[in-house]
Protein backbone atom coordinates (compact mmCIF):
# COMPACT_ATOMS: atom_id res chain seq x y z
CA UNK A 1 86.10 109.92 94.78
CA UNK A 2 89.70 109.08 93.87
CA UNK A 3 92.11 108.44 96.72
CA UNK A 4 94.31 111.44 95.95
CA UNK A 5 91.33 113.75 96.46
CA UNK A 6 90.52 111.91 99.66
CA UNK A 7 94.10 112.22 100.94
CA UNK A 8 94.02 115.94 100.21
CA UNK A 9 90.80 116.26 102.22
CA UNK A 10 92.29 114.33 105.12
CA UNK A 11 95.21 116.75 105.25
CA UNK A 12 92.99 119.82 105.72
CA UNK A 13 92.48 119.28 109.43
CA UNK A 14 88.70 119.52 109.22
CA UNK A 15 86.75 118.20 112.18
CA UNK A 16 83.47 116.45 111.56
CA UNK A 17 81.37 114.17 113.72
CA UNK A 18 79.59 111.54 111.69
CA UNK A 19 77.74 109.69 114.41
CA UNK A 20 77.90 109.61 118.17
CA UNK A 21 75.85 107.73 120.72
CA UNK A 22 75.61 109.17 124.19
CA UNK A 23 75.35 107.24 127.42
CA UNK A 24 71.63 107.95 127.42
CA UNK A 25 71.12 105.99 124.22
CA UNK A 26 69.28 102.76 124.97
CA UNK A 27 68.81 101.29 121.52
CA UNK A 28 72.43 100.64 120.56
CA UNK A 29 73.99 97.49 121.88
CA UNK A 30 77.57 98.55 121.42
CA UNK A 31 77.82 102.19 120.44
CA UNK A 32 80.66 103.38 118.24
CA UNK A 33 81.62 107.02 118.09
CA UNK A 34 82.94 108.15 114.75
CA UNK A 35 84.83 111.42 114.84
CA UNK A 36 87.57 113.15 112.94
CA UNK A 37 90.79 114.98 113.51
CA UNK A 38 91.40 115.47 109.82
CA UNK A 39 94.99 114.31 109.56
CA UNK A 40 94.15 110.82 110.71
CA UNK A 41 96.13 110.62 113.93
CA UNK A 42 94.72 107.77 115.94
CA UNK A 43 92.77 108.86 118.97
CA UNK A 44 92.23 106.85 122.11
CA UNK A 45 89.14 104.73 122.54
CA UNK A 46 86.40 105.67 124.96
CA UNK A 47 83.83 103.64 126.83
CA UNK A 48 80.10 104.20 126.75
CA UNK A 49 77.87 102.86 129.48
CA UNK A 50 74.24 102.18 128.65
CA UNK A 51 71.55 99.65 129.34
CA UNK A 52 68.67 98.52 127.21
CA UNK A 53 65.46 96.73 127.97
CA UNK A 54 63.68 94.32 125.67
CA UNK A 55 60.97 91.71 125.92
CA UNK A 56 63.56 89.21 127.07
CA UNK A 57 64.70 91.33 129.96
CA UNK A 58 67.37 93.93 130.65
CA UNK A 59 70.82 93.63 129.12
CA UNK A 60 73.92 95.62 129.91
CA UNK A 61 74.54 97.33 126.61
CA UNK A 62 77.78 99.13 127.28
CA UNK A 63 79.45 98.10 130.52
CA UNK A 64 82.43 96.99 128.48
CA UNK A 65 81.57 98.72 125.22
CA UNK A 66 84.54 100.34 123.58
CA UNK A 67 83.67 103.16 121.22
CA UNK A 68 85.73 102.93 118.04
CA UNK A 69 87.07 106.39 117.37
CA UNK A 70 87.69 106.49 113.65
CA UNK A 71 90.13 109.25 112.85
CA UNK A 72 89.29 110.44 109.39
CA UNK A 73 87.18 113.06 107.68
CA UNK A 74 83.97 111.10 107.92
CA UNK A 75 82.07 112.75 105.10
CA UNK A 76 84.86 112.02 102.64
CA UNK A 77 85.23 108.42 103.80
CA UNK A 78 81.48 107.96 103.43
CA UNK A 79 81.63 109.39 99.92
CA UNK A 80 84.61 107.29 98.87
CA UNK A 81 83.52 103.98 100.44
CA UNK A 82 80.43 102.05 101.49
CA UNK A 83 81.09 102.85 105.17
CA UNK A 84 79.25 105.32 107.39
CA UNK A 85 78.46 105.68 111.10
CA UNK A 86 75.07 103.99 110.80
CA UNK A 87 76.89 100.74 110.14
CA UNK A 88 77.98 100.61 113.76
CA UNK A 89 74.68 101.43 115.47
CA UNK A 90 71.66 99.18 115.85
CA UNK A 91 68.64 98.41 117.99
CA UNK A 92 69.49 95.67 120.47
CA UNK A 93 65.86 94.54 120.50
CA UNK A 94 66.20 93.55 116.85
CA UNK A 95 69.21 91.29 117.35
CA UNK A 96 68.79 87.66 116.34
CA UNK A 97 70.75 85.37 118.65
CA UNK A 98 72.40 82.31 117.12
CA UNK A 99 74.34 79.75 119.13
CA UNK A 100 76.84 77.69 117.18
CA UNK A 101 77.51 74.12 118.20
CA UNK A 102 78.57 70.97 116.36
CA UNK A 103 75.41 69.32 115.02
CA UNK A 104 73.35 71.54 117.30
CA UNK A 105 73.41 75.15 116.02
CA UNK A 106 70.16 77.02 116.60
CA UNK A 107 68.06 78.19 113.62
CA UNK A 108 66.23 81.49 113.95
CA UNK A 109 64.40 84.09 111.91
CA UNK A 110 66.49 84.63 108.79
CA UNK A 111 68.85 81.80 109.77
CA UNK A 112 68.84 78.22 108.55
CA UNK A 113 71.03 75.34 109.67
CA UNK A 114 72.08 72.46 107.45
CA UNK A 115 74.36 70.12 109.34
CA UNK A 116 77.13 72.53 110.39
CA UNK A 117 76.53 75.16 107.72
CA UNK A 118 74.74 78.15 109.20
CA UNK A 119 73.20 80.43 106.55
CA UNK A 120 71.91 83.97 107.07
CA UNK A 121 69.51 84.93 104.29
CA UNK A 122 67.92 88.24 105.31
CA UNK A 123 68.92 91.75 106.29
CA UNK A 124 69.31 92.34 110.00
CA UNK A 125 71.60 92.10 112.98
CA UNK A 126 72.70 88.66 114.15
CA UNK A 127 74.68 87.93 117.31
CA UNK A 128 76.64 84.71 117.02
CA UNK A 129 78.37 82.81 119.80
CA UNK A 130 79.79 79.31 120.17
CA UNK A 131 81.94 77.17 117.90
CA UNK A 132 81.97 74.85 114.90
CA UNK A 133 84.90 72.45 114.64
CA UNK A 134 84.09 71.69 111.00
CA UNK A 135 81.48 74.06 109.67
CA UNK A 136 80.82 77.30 107.89
CA UNK A 137 78.93 80.57 108.24
CA UNK A 138 77.30 81.76 105.02
CA UNK A 139 75.62 85.10 104.32
CA UNK A 140 73.34 84.72 101.29
CA UNK A 141 71.02 87.73 101.50
CA UNK A 142 69.38 89.99 98.95
CA UNK A 143 71.44 92.34 96.80
CA UNK A 144 70.01 95.35 98.67
CA UNK A 145 70.35 93.83 102.15
CA UNK A 146 72.71 95.07 104.84
CA UNK A 147 73.69 92.20 107.11
CA UNK A 148 75.39 92.86 110.44
CA UNK A 149 76.98 89.84 112.12
CA UNK A 150 78.21 90.29 115.68
CA UNK A 151 80.89 87.77 116.61
CA UNK A 152 80.68 87.29 120.35
CA UNK A 153 83.09 84.51 121.19
CA UNK A 154 82.96 82.60 117.89
CA UNK A 155 85.34 79.91 116.64
CA UNK A 156 84.75 78.35 113.23
CA UNK A 157 86.99 75.90 111.36
CA UNK A 158 86.35 74.20 108.04
CA UNK A 159 87.92 71.12 106.48
CA UNK A 160 86.49 71.78 103.01
CA UNK A 161 86.75 75.53 102.33
CA UNK A 162 86.20 78.98 103.80
CA UNK A 163 85.05 79.40 107.37
CA UNK A 164 82.95 82.52 106.67
CA UNK A 165 81.55 83.38 103.23
CA UNK A 166 79.37 86.24 102.04
CA UNK A 167 77.92 85.11 98.72
CA UNK A 168 75.39 87.95 98.35
CA UNK A 169 74.39 91.16 100.15
CA UNK A 170 74.65 94.87 99.63
CA UNK A 171 77.03 95.13 102.57
CA UNK A 172 78.25 92.78 105.27
CA UNK A 173 79.40 94.17 108.63
CA UNK A 174 81.45 91.90 110.84
CA UNK A 175 81.31 93.39 114.32
CA UNK A 176 83.65 92.02 116.99
CA UNK A 177 81.83 92.24 120.31
CA UNK A 178 83.73 94.22 122.90
CA UNK A 179 86.14 92.01 124.82
CA UNK A 180 85.40 88.94 122.71
CA UNK A 181 87.96 86.61 121.11
CA UNK A 182 86.98 85.10 117.76
CA UNK A 183 88.70 82.90 115.20
CA UNK A 184 88.15 81.74 111.62
CA UNK A 185 90.25 78.91 110.15
CA UNK A 186 89.84 77.54 106.66
CA UNK A 187 90.92 74.25 105.07
CA UNK A 188 94.37 73.52 103.69
CA UNK A 189 92.69 72.22 100.52
CA UNK A 190 89.30 73.24 99.12
CA UNK A 191 86.58 71.06 97.67
CA UNK A 192 85.68 73.80 95.16
CA UNK A 193 88.72 75.13 93.30
CA UNK A 194 86.99 76.91 90.40
CA UNK A 195 88.47 80.26 89.35
CA UNK A 196 85.61 82.25 90.89
CA UNK A 197 85.29 80.12 94.04
CA UNK A 198 86.13 81.51 97.49
CA UNK A 199 89.81 81.13 98.39
CA UNK A 200 90.10 82.81 101.79
CA UNK A 201 89.18 81.98 105.37
CA UNK A 202 86.94 85.08 105.41
CA UNK A 203 85.61 85.75 101.91
CA UNK A 204 83.03 88.28 100.78
CA UNK A 205 81.48 88.95 97.38
CA UNK A 206 79.93 92.13 98.83
CA UNK A 207 81.33 95.26 100.48
CA UNK A 208 82.77 94.24 103.85
CA UNK A 209 83.36 96.18 107.06
CA UNK A 210 85.21 94.83 110.11
CA UNK A 211 84.78 96.78 113.33
CA UNK A 212 84.24 96.48 117.05
CA UNK A 213 86.18 96.32 120.28
CA UNK A 214 86.93 92.60 120.18
CA UNK A 215 89.59 90.45 118.54
CA UNK A 216 89.59 88.28 115.44
CA UNK A 217 92.23 85.74 114.46
CA UNK A 218 92.15 84.51 110.86
CA UNK A 219 94.14 81.55 109.59
CA UNK A 220 94.32 81.27 105.80
CA UNK A 221 95.67 77.78 105.29
CA UNK A 222 94.71 77.46 101.63
CA UNK A 223 95.50 80.87 100.12
CA UNK A 224 94.34 84.24 101.47
CA UNK A 225 93.24 85.35 104.92
CA UNK A 226 90.57 88.04 104.41
CA UNK A 227 89.18 88.94 100.98
CA UNK A 228 86.47 91.30 99.76
CA UNK A 229 85.75 91.20 96.06
CA UNK A 230 84.24 94.68 96.46
CA UNK A 231 85.38 97.27 99.02
CA UNK A 232 86.89 96.54 102.43
CA UNK A 233 86.88 98.90 105.42
CA UNK A 234 88.79 98.03 108.61
CA UNK A 235 87.14 100.44 111.01
CA UNK A 236 88.39 99.09 114.35
CA UNK A 237 89.11 95.92 116.27
CA UNK A 238 92.18 93.78 116.90
CA UNK A 239 92.71 91.61 113.83
CA UNK A 240 95.47 89.04 113.35
CA UNK A 241 95.90 87.29 110.00
CA UNK A 242 98.26 84.48 109.03
CA UNK A 243 97.92 83.39 105.40
CA UNK A 244 99.68 81.12 102.95
CA UNK A 245 99.26 83.70 100.18
CA UNK A 246 97.86 87.25 100.56
CA UNK A 247 96.94 88.41 104.04
CA UNK A 248 94.16 91.00 103.53
CA UNK A 249 92.78 91.91 100.11
CA UNK A 250 90.12 94.45 99.18
CA UNK A 251 89.65 94.35 95.44
CA UNK A 252 88.02 97.74 94.80
CA UNK A 253 89.56 99.55 97.75
CA UNK A 254 90.87 98.98 101.25
CA UNK A 255 90.56 101.62 103.98
CA UNK A 256 92.07 101.14 107.44
CA UNK A 257 90.55 103.71 109.78
CA UNK A 258 91.48 102.46 113.24
CA UNK A 259 92.21 99.34 115.26
CA UNK A 260 95.24 97.08 115.46
CA UNK A 261 96.03 94.79 112.52
CA UNK A 262 98.86 92.27 112.32
CA UNK A 263 99.43 90.36 109.08
CA UNK A 264 101.80 87.53 108.26
CA UNK A 265 101.57 86.42 104.63
CA UNK A 266 103.46 84.23 102.19
CA UNK A 267 102.38 86.53 99.33
CA UNK A 268 101.39 90.19 99.58
CA UNK A 269 100.56 91.43 103.05
CA UNK A 270 97.75 93.92 102.42
CA UNK A 271 96.56 94.78 98.91
CA UNK A 272 93.92 96.34 96.69
CA UNK A 273 94.08 94.85 93.22
CA UNK A 274 91.31 96.20 90.96
CA UNK A 275 93.17 96.97 87.72
CA UNK A 276 90.05 97.43 85.58
CA UNK A 277 88.58 100.70 86.93
CA UNK A 278 90.74 103.84 87.07
CA UNK A 279 88.93 105.06 90.20
CA UNK A 280 89.48 101.84 92.13
CA UNK A 281 92.38 99.71 93.27
CA UNK A 282 93.34 102.16 96.05
CA UNK A 283 94.43 101.67 99.65
CA UNK A 284 94.30 104.14 102.54
CA UNK A 285 95.61 104.05 106.12
CA UNK A 286 94.22 106.94 108.13
CA UNK A 287 94.56 105.63 111.69
CA UNK A 288 95.21 102.64 113.89
CA UNK A 289 98.17 100.35 113.41
CA UNK A 290 99.18 97.92 110.70
CA UNK A 291 102.10 95.53 111.06
CA UNK A 292 103.02 93.34 108.09
CA UNK A 293 105.52 90.56 107.45
CA UNK A 294 105.20 89.42 103.82
CA UNK A 295 106.90 87.01 101.47
CA UNK A 296 106.20 89.36 98.57
CA UNK A 297 105.07 93.01 98.72
CA UNK A 298 104.18 94.40 102.12
CA UNK A 299 101.40 96.86 101.23
CA UNK A 300 100.37 97.19 97.60
CA UNK A 301 97.75 98.99 95.54
CA UNK A 302 97.24 98.96 91.80
CA UNK A 303 96.48 102.67 91.64
CA UNK A 304 97.03 104.81 94.74
CA UNK A 305 98.31 104.15 98.26
CA UNK A 306 97.87 106.81 100.92
CA UNK A 307 98.89 107.14 104.56
CA UNK A 308 97.35 110.07 106.42
CA UNK A 309 97.70 108.80 109.98
CA UNK A 310 98.26 105.81 112.19
CA UNK A 311 101.30 103.54 112.28
CA UNK A 312 102.41 101.35 109.38
CA UNK A 313 105.23 98.86 109.98
CA UNK A 314 106.50 96.42 107.37
CA UNK A 315 108.96 94.18 109.20
CA UNK A 316 109.83 92.08 106.16
CA UNK A 317 108.97 92.13 102.45
CA UNK A 318 110.32 91.96 98.94
CA UNK A 319 109.05 95.47 98.24
CA UNK A 320 107.64 97.43 101.16
CA UNK A 321 105.05 99.84 99.75
CA UNK A 322 104.12 99.71 96.08
CA UNK A 323 101.55 101.57 93.98
CA UNK A 324 101.30 103.83 90.96
CA UNK A 325 101.03 106.80 93.35
CA UNK A 326 102.19 106.73 96.97
CA UNK A 327 101.22 109.70 99.16
CA UNK A 328 102.14 110.11 102.84
CA UNK A 329 100.74 113.14 104.63
CA UNK A 330 100.79 111.92 108.24
CA UNK A 331 101.36 109.00 110.54
CA UNK A 332 104.45 106.85 110.97
CA UNK A 333 105.74 104.50 108.27
CA UNK A 334 108.62 102.07 108.87
CA UNK A 335 109.50 99.71 106.02
CA UNK A 336 112.06 96.92 105.70
CA UNK A 337 112.53 95.23 102.32
CA UNK A 338 114.89 92.95 100.42
CA UNK A 339 114.23 94.96 97.25
CA UNK A 340 112.74 98.45 96.92
CA UNK A 341 111.40 100.04 100.08
CA UNK A 342 108.85 102.55 98.75
CA UNK A 343 108.21 101.96 95.06
CA UNK A 344 106.00 104.01 92.74
CA UNK A 345 105.56 101.62 89.83
CA UNK A 346 102.91 100.18 87.58
CA UNK A 347 100.80 101.82 84.94
CA UNK A 348 102.18 102.13 81.41
CA UNK A 349 105.76 100.90 81.19
CA UNK A 350 108.20 103.62 80.16
CA UNK A 351 111.36 101.58 79.76
CA UNK A 352 114.93 102.57 80.57
CA UNK A 353 115.30 105.84 82.44
CA UNK A 354 112.27 107.52 80.87
CA UNK A 355 110.01 109.08 83.52
CA UNK A 356 106.40 107.98 83.71
CA UNK A 357 103.36 109.24 85.59
CA UNK A 358 104.29 107.41 88.79
CA UNK A 359 104.66 109.58 91.88
CA UNK A 360 105.91 109.43 95.46
CA UNK A 361 104.65 112.42 97.44
CA UNK A 362 105.55 112.96 101.10
CA UNK A 363 104.03 116.03 102.73
CA UNK A 364 103.96 115.01 106.40
CA UNK A 365 104.45 112.23 108.89
CA UNK A 366 107.55 110.11 109.36
CA UNK A 367 108.90 107.61 106.83
CA UNK A 368 111.79 105.26 107.63
CA UNK A 369 113.06 102.88 104.95
CA UNK A 370 115.57 100.06 105.28
CA UNK A 371 116.12 98.48 101.87
CA UNK A 372 118.50 96.13 100.13
CA UNK A 373 117.29 97.42 96.75
CA UNK A 374 116.40 101.03 96.05
CA UNK A 375 115.16 102.88 99.10
CA UNK A 376 112.71 105.47 97.80
CA UNK A 377 112.02 104.55 94.17
CA UNK A 378 109.76 106.23 91.61
CA UNK A 379 109.54 105.32 87.95
CA UNK A 380 108.16 108.84 87.55
CA UNK A 381 108.78 111.74 89.92
CA UNK A 382 109.04 112.30 93.67
CA UNK A 383 108.15 115.25 95.89
CA UNK A 384 109.08 115.87 99.52
CA UNK A 385 107.30 118.92 100.93
CA UNK A 386 107.03 118.03 104.60
CA UNK A 387 107.53 115.36 107.21
CA UNK A 388 110.70 113.37 107.86
CA UNK A 389 112.16 110.80 105.48
CA UNK A 390 115.05 108.55 106.52
CA UNK A 391 116.46 106.01 104.09
CA UNK A 392 119.03 103.36 104.96
CA UNK A 393 119.64 102.12 101.47
CA UNK A 394 121.65 99.38 99.81
CA UNK A 395 125.31 98.56 100.19
CA UNK A 396 125.56 97.32 96.60
CA UNK A 397 126.31 99.86 93.87
CA UNK A 398 123.58 98.57 91.54
CA UNK A 399 120.88 100.28 93.60
CA UNK A 400 120.56 103.55 95.44
CA UNK A 401 118.99 105.10 98.51
CA UNK A 402 117.03 107.31 96.08
CA UNK A 403 116.00 106.19 92.59
CA UNK A 404 113.85 108.63 90.63
CA UNK A 405 113.42 108.53 86.86
CA UNK A 406 112.11 112.09 86.70
CA UNK A 407 112.74 114.95 89.08
CA UNK A 408 113.06 114.70 92.84
CA UNK A 409 111.73 118.00 94.18
CA UNK A 410 112.29 118.97 97.82
CA UNK A 411 110.38 121.99 99.08
CA UNK A 412 110.11 121.21 102.81
CA UNK A 413 110.52 118.61 105.50
CA UNK A 414 113.70 116.69 106.26
CA UNK A 415 115.33 114.09 104.02
CA UNK A 416 118.28 111.88 104.95
CA UNK A 417 119.11 109.19 102.40
CA UNK A 418 122.18 107.03 102.98
CA UNK A 419 123.47 104.15 100.90
CA UNK A 420 125.94 103.08 98.25
CA UNK A 421 127.94 105.51 96.14
CA UNK A 422 127.28 103.89 92.76
CA UNK A 423 123.74 105.10 92.12
CA UNK A 424 123.33 108.45 93.83
CA UNK A 425 120.23 110.50 92.99
CA UNK A 426 120.06 114.07 94.25
CA UNK A 427 117.22 116.59 94.39
CA UNK A 428 116.65 118.87 91.42
CA UNK A 429 118.81 122.00 91.55
CA UNK A 430 115.63 124.07 91.19
CA UNK A 431 114.14 122.58 94.37
CA UNK A 432 112.93 125.34 96.72
CA UNK A 433 114.79 123.73 99.63
CA UNK A 434 118.48 123.08 99.20
CA UNK A 435 120.38 119.87 99.97
CA UNK A 436 123.87 118.55 100.42
CA UNK A 437 125.44 115.46 98.88
CA UNK A 438 128.15 113.74 100.90
CA UNK A 439 130.44 111.10 99.37
CA UNK A 440 132.65 109.29 101.87
CA UNK A 441 136.11 108.15 100.82
CA UNK A 442 135.52 104.88 102.65
CA UNK A 443 132.35 103.33 103.96
CA UNK A 444 131.07 104.65 107.27
CA UNK A 445 130.15 101.72 109.55
CA UNK A 446 126.61 101.25 110.81
CA UNK A 447 126.01 103.05 114.07
CA UNK A 448 128.52 105.82 113.35
CA UNK A 449 127.47 109.38 114.06
CA UNK A 450 127.57 111.64 110.98
CA UNK A 451 127.31 115.38 111.64
CA UNK A 452 126.90 118.44 109.45
CA UNK A 453 127.89 121.82 110.85
CA UNK A 454 127.77 125.29 109.35
CA UNK A 455 130.54 127.88 109.10
CA UNK A 456 129.87 128.99 112.67
CA UNK A 457 130.36 125.47 113.98
CA UNK A 458 126.66 124.96 114.71
CA UNK A 459 125.46 121.41 114.17
CA UNK A 460 122.60 121.47 111.66
CA UNK A 461 122.20 117.70 111.27
CA UNK A 462 123.04 114.57 113.22
CA UNK A 463 122.44 111.23 111.53
CA UNK A 464 123.18 107.66 112.61
CA UNK A 465 122.91 105.10 109.79
CA UNK A 466 121.83 101.55 110.56
CA UNK A 467 123.89 100.14 107.68
CA UNK A 468 127.33 100.70 106.22
CA UNK A 469 127.14 103.92 104.21
CA UNK A 470 129.19 105.43 101.38
CA UNK A 471 126.98 108.41 100.57
CA UNK A 472 124.43 110.69 102.18
CA UNK A 473 121.92 113.11 100.68
CA UNK A 474 120.51 115.48 103.28
CA UNK A 475 117.97 118.30 103.08
CA UNK A 476 116.23 120.38 105.71
CA UNK A 477 115.14 123.95 106.32
CA UNK A 478 118.55 124.53 107.98
CA UNK A 479 120.45 123.91 104.74
CA UNK A 480 121.10 127.15 102.86
CA UNK A 481 121.94 127.07 99.16
CA UNK A 482 125.60 127.79 98.27
CA UNK A 483 126.70 127.64 101.91
CA UNK A 484 129.59 125.36 102.92
CA UNK A 485 129.07 122.66 105.54
CA UNK A 486 131.61 120.55 107.39
CA UNK A 487 131.09 116.81 107.49
CA UNK A 488 132.26 114.98 110.61
CA UNK A 489 132.07 111.46 112.00
CA UNK A 490 132.45 110.09 115.51
CA UNK A 491 130.61 112.87 117.29
CA UNK A 492 127.91 112.44 119.93
CA UNK A 493 124.20 111.86 119.31
CA UNK A 494 121.07 111.48 121.39
CA UNK A 495 119.79 108.67 119.14
CA UNK A 496 121.17 105.23 118.24
CA UNK A 497 119.66 105.33 114.75
CA UNK A 498 118.20 107.90 112.40
CA UNK A 499 118.01 111.65 112.87
CA UNK A 500 118.55 113.34 116.20
CA UNK A 501 120.52 116.02 118.00
CA UNK A 502 124.19 115.99 118.92
CA UNK A 503 127.41 117.85 119.49
CA UNK A 504 130.82 117.78 117.82
CA UNK A 505 132.52 116.33 120.90
CA UNK A 506 134.97 113.68 119.74
CA UNK A 507 134.26 114.37 116.06
CA UNK A 508 136.71 113.88 113.20
CA UNK A 509 136.36 116.13 110.18
CA UNK A 510 136.15 114.20 106.90
CA UNK A 511 135.52 117.05 104.47
CA UNK A 512 133.25 119.85 103.37
CA UNK A 513 130.30 120.13 100.97
CA UNK A 514 128.46 123.02 99.33
CA UNK A 515 124.68 123.02 99.43
CA UNK A 516 123.16 122.67 95.98
CA UNK A 517 126.30 121.31 94.32
CA UNK A 518 125.89 117.69 93.27
CA UNK A 519 127.94 115.11 91.38
CA UNK A 520 126.65 112.21 89.29
CA UNK A 521 126.36 108.82 90.96
CA UNK A 522 127.33 106.88 87.81
CA UNK A 523 126.30 103.44 86.73
CA UNK A 524 123.29 102.33 84.73
CA UNK A 525 119.75 102.18 86.04
CA UNK A 526 116.53 104.14 86.39
CA UNK A 527 117.84 106.34 89.18
CA UNK A 528 121.19 107.40 87.76
CA UNK A 529 120.24 111.06 87.89
CA UNK A 530 122.56 113.55 86.28
CA UNK A 531 123.62 116.63 88.26
CA UNK A 532 121.45 119.66 87.82
CA UNK A 533 118.32 117.68 86.94
């Protein structure tokens, strides 16, 4: 299933329960409830209390168990990825306990120990605890094996390479025991530097799932933090990654369903980079939270990037979000970049101002962009049909708040794009929802209140830019084609930044504009859209 089809399914609002374990269940150590609200809005976690008995005695199975509520259409996620609800349920009696200790780790069924390398070689569920100051955990199971590793207070560091490696399995599930704190630190230099050798603190050659109610801290001192060379699903948990190069990378796809994820990376923050298969190289955020500070791109996919729910914050990046197709249908996105904020690029190069197949599509949610380059940029087309889009674009005239090679179509939602006056792109005249273009005679300082009012004096828009602004493109359901609107500054607002409500108290009129009448921005570049396009 391609991501665009999946995003469309997530926007339908369907409700489907994939798997749920009740308090009466006695065979699941830490039960995880997978449910759906369709649009992907993150739901609160719940706690399941259960006890289980085994030959070794009675264990409290759920006194602190936090059920991971994954907010997505479960059937579609299961079809598009390797993940399903069975991944997060298991029989506690079948767990294999392994205690890690320097020169004293315990072997067990399916587990061998060689010095401080602990290798899991069979399908099953393994509960690890303890620490290795210079060791490694290796999963080397059969190609059809599903291996579940529960980290229950684990700390592993390596001086020669990765701290945790999956060399073979059908699927590896890394479950963070509820309430546990775990850490994986790799070496600053690796003994094996071959092209196909592991290069991340947590590295998997198989499909990888990270879930659970605990915490995981990953330090990528050599290159990347977390890497799956197949698919990667972040189902839940509190995950913190600090990496020299890329933070989190899922080659075939990366799906963030729930949990809290914080990434600091010298390269790309979070990425899916399969450029060989047209159905892969996609990235989806449907719930939870993702905070990224990156030296290069914040969140990047080769093919498609979708946000259907949750909270996505890029606090620093070269380009904030980048993919061939970027679709936002829900959630909250806040991007800060030194170049383009949201950039639909890649695919076959078109050159010059020629429009390609790239697409930015916003149908819901909230998108806020603060960019030094272009704010919302598409080498192809862009569509806004719902949600709220706020762009605080560049001060320099070589870039624009909006930069679209093809048509920018607005049929719903609210759009406020402020920036320089040199490269102004306006919506297509044929857009179902009208817009106004405001050009200020002199730059409006950051923090100023800009108001639009209709012929009756009713305020239809109140906007507070966070940067000095020379132009504003605004569209909402309140803007009526061919109607004249008065532009004022210095009025009152109930917000310190972005869109809000306000009055005209203290306002100074700076001019009038007519909805649907646009002027060219001028200057060369992909986004220099001509009026009427």
